[in-house]
Every structure is written in C-alpha cells, then in structure tokens.
C-alpha atoms as a PDB file:
ATOM      1  CA  UNK A   1     252.201  37.574 262.351  1.00  0.00           C
ATOM      2  CA  UNK A   2     250.029  39.881 264.258  1.00  0.00           C
ATOM      3  CA  UNK A   3     247.071  38.443 263.019  1.00  0.00           C
ATOM      4  CA  UNK A   4     248.421  34.904 264.484  1.00  0.00           C
ATOM      5  CA  UNK A   5     249.101  36.226 267.747  1.00  0.00           C
ATOM      6  CA  UNK A   6     245.026  38.397 268.104  1.00  0.00           C
ATOM      7  CA  UNK A   7     243.963  34.795 267.509  1.00  0.00           C
ATOM      8  CA  UNK A   8     245.790  32.728 269.451  1.00  0.00           C
ATOM      9  CA  UNK A   9     245.264  35.361 272.406  1.00  0.00           C
ATOM     10  CA  UNK A  10     241.256  35.109 271.733  1.00  0.00           C
ATOM     11  CA  UNK A  11     241.367  31.343 271.875  1.00  0.00           C
ATOM     12  CA  UNK A  12     243.158  31.553 274.859  1.00  0.00           C
ATOM     13  CA  UNK A  13     240.988  33.931 277.035  1.00  0.00           C
ATOM     14  CA  UNK A  14     237.711  33.374 278.504  1.00  0.00           C
ATOM     15  CA  UNK A  15     234.921  35.442 277.615  1.00  0.00           C
ATOM     16  CA  UNK A  16     235.607  39.038 279.052  1.00  0.00           C
ATOM     17  CA  UNK A  17     239.263  37.929 279.349  1.00  0.00           C
ATOM     18  CA  UNK A  18     241.721  41.327 278.787  1.00  0.00           C
ATOM     19  CA  UNK A  19     244.863  41.060 276.346  1.00  0.00           C
ATOM     20  CA  UNK A  20     246.892  44.132 277.319  1.00  0.00           C
ATOM     21  CA  UNK A  21     250.053  44.908 275.684  1.00  0.00           C
ATOM     22  CA  UNK A  22     252.269  47.911 274.423  1.00  0.00           C
ATOM     23  CA  UNK A  23     253.744  48.264 270.771  1.00  0.00           C
ATOM     24  CA  UNK A  24     255.791  50.568 268.712  1.00  0.00           C
ATOM     25  CA  UNK A  25     253.398  53.300 266.996  1.00  0.00           C
ATOM     26  CA  UNK A  26     253.365  54.306 263.448  1.00  0.00           C
ATOM     27  CA  UNK A  27     252.738  57.533 263.474  1.00  0.00           C
ATOM     28  CA  UNK A  28     251.115  57.566 259.676  1.00  0.00           C
ATOM     29  CA  UNK A  29     247.727  55.995 260.343  1.00  0.00           C
ATOM     30  CA  UNK A  30     247.571  55.525 256.719  1.00  0.00           C
ATOM     31  CA  UNK A  31     249.502  52.661 256.780  1.00  0.00           C
ATOM     32  CA  UNK A  32     248.953  49.414 259.157  1.00  0.00           C
ATOM     33  CA  UNK A  33     252.365  48.827 259.938  1.00  0.00           C
ATOM     34  CA  UNK A  34     255.799  49.650 258.542  1.00  0.00           C
ATOM     35  CA  UNK A  35     259.610  48.854 259.863  1.00  0.00           C
ATOM     36  CA  UNK A  36     260.612  51.506 262.649  1.00  0.00           C
ATOM     37  CA  UNK A  37     261.733  54.860 261.510  1.00  0.00           C
ATOM     38  CA  UNK A  38     264.630  55.040 264.217  1.00  0.00           C
ATOM     39  CA  UNK A  39     267.731  53.921 262.872  1.00  0.00           C
ATOM     40  CA  UNK A  40     268.576  52.358 266.177  1.00  0.00           C
ATOM     41  CA  UNK A  41     265.241  50.202 266.479  1.00  0.00           C
ATOM     42  CA  UNK A  42     265.120  48.995 263.064  1.00  0.00           C
ATOM     43  CA  UNK A  43     268.716  47.689 263.369  1.00  0.00           C
ATOM     44  CA  UNK A  44     266.368  45.066 265.392  1.00  0.00           C
ATOM     45  CA  UNK A  45     264.293  44.711 263.016  1.00  0.00           C
ATOM     46  CA  UNK A  46     261.067  46.900 264.781  1.00  0.00           C
ATOM     47  CA  UNK A  47     257.957  47.155 263.403  1.00  0.00           C
ATOM     48  CA  UNK A  48     255.217  49.600 264.235  1.00  0.00           C
ATOM     49  CA  UNK A  49     251.605  49.141 263.852  1.00  0.00           C
ATOM     50  CA  UNK A  50     248.863  52.145 263.641  1.00  0.00           C
ATOM     51  CA  UNK A  51     246.000  52.954 266.217  1.00  0.00           C
ATOM     52  CA  UNK A  52     243.604  51.471 263.182  1.00  0.00           C
ATOM     53  CA  UNK A  53     245.158  48.549 262.099  1.00  0.00           C
ATOM     54  CA  UNK A  54     245.087  47.557 265.932  1.00  0.00           C
ATOM     55  CA  UNK A  55     241.472  48.443 266.138  1.00  0.00           C
ATOM     56  CA  UNK A  56     240.534  46.281 263.300  1.00  0.00           C
ATOM     57  CA  UNK A  57     242.542  43.072 263.897  1.00  0.00           C
ATOM     58  CA  UNK A  58     240.537  43.732 267.440  1.00  0.00           C
ATOM     59  CA  UNK A  59     236.963  43.579 265.828  1.00  0.00           C
ATOM     60  CA  UNK A  60     237.794  40.992 263.631  1.00  0.00           C
ATOM     61  CA  UNK A  61     239.378  38.534 266.384  1.00  0.00           C
ATOM     62  CA  UNK A  62     236.617  39.071 268.481  1.00  0.00           C
ATOM     63  CA  UNK A  63     238.044  41.683 270.869  1.00  0.00           C
ATOM     64  CA  UNK A  64     236.131  45.366 271.702  1.00  0.00           C
ATOM     65  CA  UNK A  65     238.674  47.874 272.504  1.00  0.00           C
ATOM     66  CA  UNK A  66     238.727  48.869 276.298  1.00  0.00           C
ATOM     67  CA  UNK A  67     241.565  51.439 275.631  1.00  0.00           C
ATOM     68  CA  UNK A  68     243.653  52.277 272.894  1.00  0.00           C
ATOM     69  CA  UNK A  69     245.919  55.428 273.672  1.00  0.00           C
ATOM     70  CA  UNK A  70     249.561  57.060 273.156  1.00  0.00           C
ATOM     71  CA  UNK A  71     252.357  56.448 275.745  1.00  0.00           C
ATOM     72  CA  UNK A  72     256.253  56.065 275.576  1.00  0.00           C
ATOM     73  CA  UNK A  73     256.851  52.640 274.751  1.00  0.00           C
ATOM     74  CA  UNK A  74     260.621  52.656 276.151  1.00  0.00           C
ATOM     75  CA  UNK A  75     263.642  55.300 275.979  1.00  0.00           C
ATOM     76  CA  UNK A  76     265.851  54.777 272.749  1.00  0.00           C
ATOM     77  CA  UNK A  77     269.799  54.323 273.563  1.00  0.00           C
ATOM     78  CA  UNK A  78     270.130  57.891 273.741  1.00  0.00           C
ATOM     79  CA  UNK A  79     267.816  58.208 275.888  1.00  0.00           C
ATOM     80  CA  UNK A  80     264.502  59.789 273.721  1.00  0.00           C
ATOM     81  CA  UNK A  81     261.449  58.771 274.620  1.00  0.00           C
ATOM     82  CA  UNK A  82     260.077  56.143 271.641  1.00  0.00           C
ATOM     83  CA  UNK A  83     256.430  56.496 271.123  1.00  0.00           C
ATOM     84  CA  UNK A  84     253.914  53.561 271.648  1.00  0.00           C
ATOM     85  CA  UNK A  85     250.545  52.394 272.197  1.00  0.00           C
ATOM     86  CA  UNK A  86     249.014  50.795 275.333  1.00  0.00           C
ATOM     87  CA  UNK A  87     246.251  48.531 274.204  1.00  0.00           C
ATOM     88  CA  UNK A  88     243.739  47.263 276.519  1.00  0.00           C
ATOM     89  CA  UNK A  89     241.070  44.910 274.737  1.00  0.00           C
ATOM     90  CA  UNK A  90     238.439  42.460 275.924  1.00  0.00           C
ATOM     91  CA  UNK A  91     237.588  38.723 274.386  1.00  0.00           C
ATOM     92  CA  UNK A  92     233.595  39.668 273.753  1.00  0.00           C
ATOM     93  CA  UNK A  93     231.179  37.098 274.780  1.00  0.00           C
ATOM     94  CA  UNK A  94     230.064  34.457 272.312  1.00  0.00           C
END
C-alpha cells in the first residue's frame, strides 16, 4: 500500500515539489513495517514504518530525503507520547 502512495505523490507533484508527512516509527530498523506495538494503537490497525524503509521508498519513487527525524507523532489515550517520524521529501527533477 505505501509504495502506491509514494508513486501517486510523485506523479501528482511538480518537479521539486514537497511531500511532507508523519508516520508511526518502527524502532526496529531491521523490519520495514509492522503492526504498531502499542496495544491501544494496534486495536485500530495502525502500522509503524522504519526510517530505512521510508528512505528506500523515497529513492525508488523519485524523491530525495530533505528531512527524516524522530518526533512525537501523537499522544495515546493515557497521554503518553507515541514516537513517530517526520518525513520531508522533494520530488527530484527528471
């Protein structure tokens, strides 16, 4: 599913256009994506993605990575921070 989103964004953006988003972070970088490990997130079917997976998808879909950093994605129902990634990608010129 995620590669389709990257391809659609690349097809929709002008050259040098920005694709900016946040996502749940998969702390285990040896796994591209997984069901979110927090019980309350997993109840809603959330996935977490690794930074290396996002970097690879960006490159494969014609983006350069301007920023990929750890952020607090949101707070869970108990007010605890949920780790995430902020991605800022630029569509490369063809």
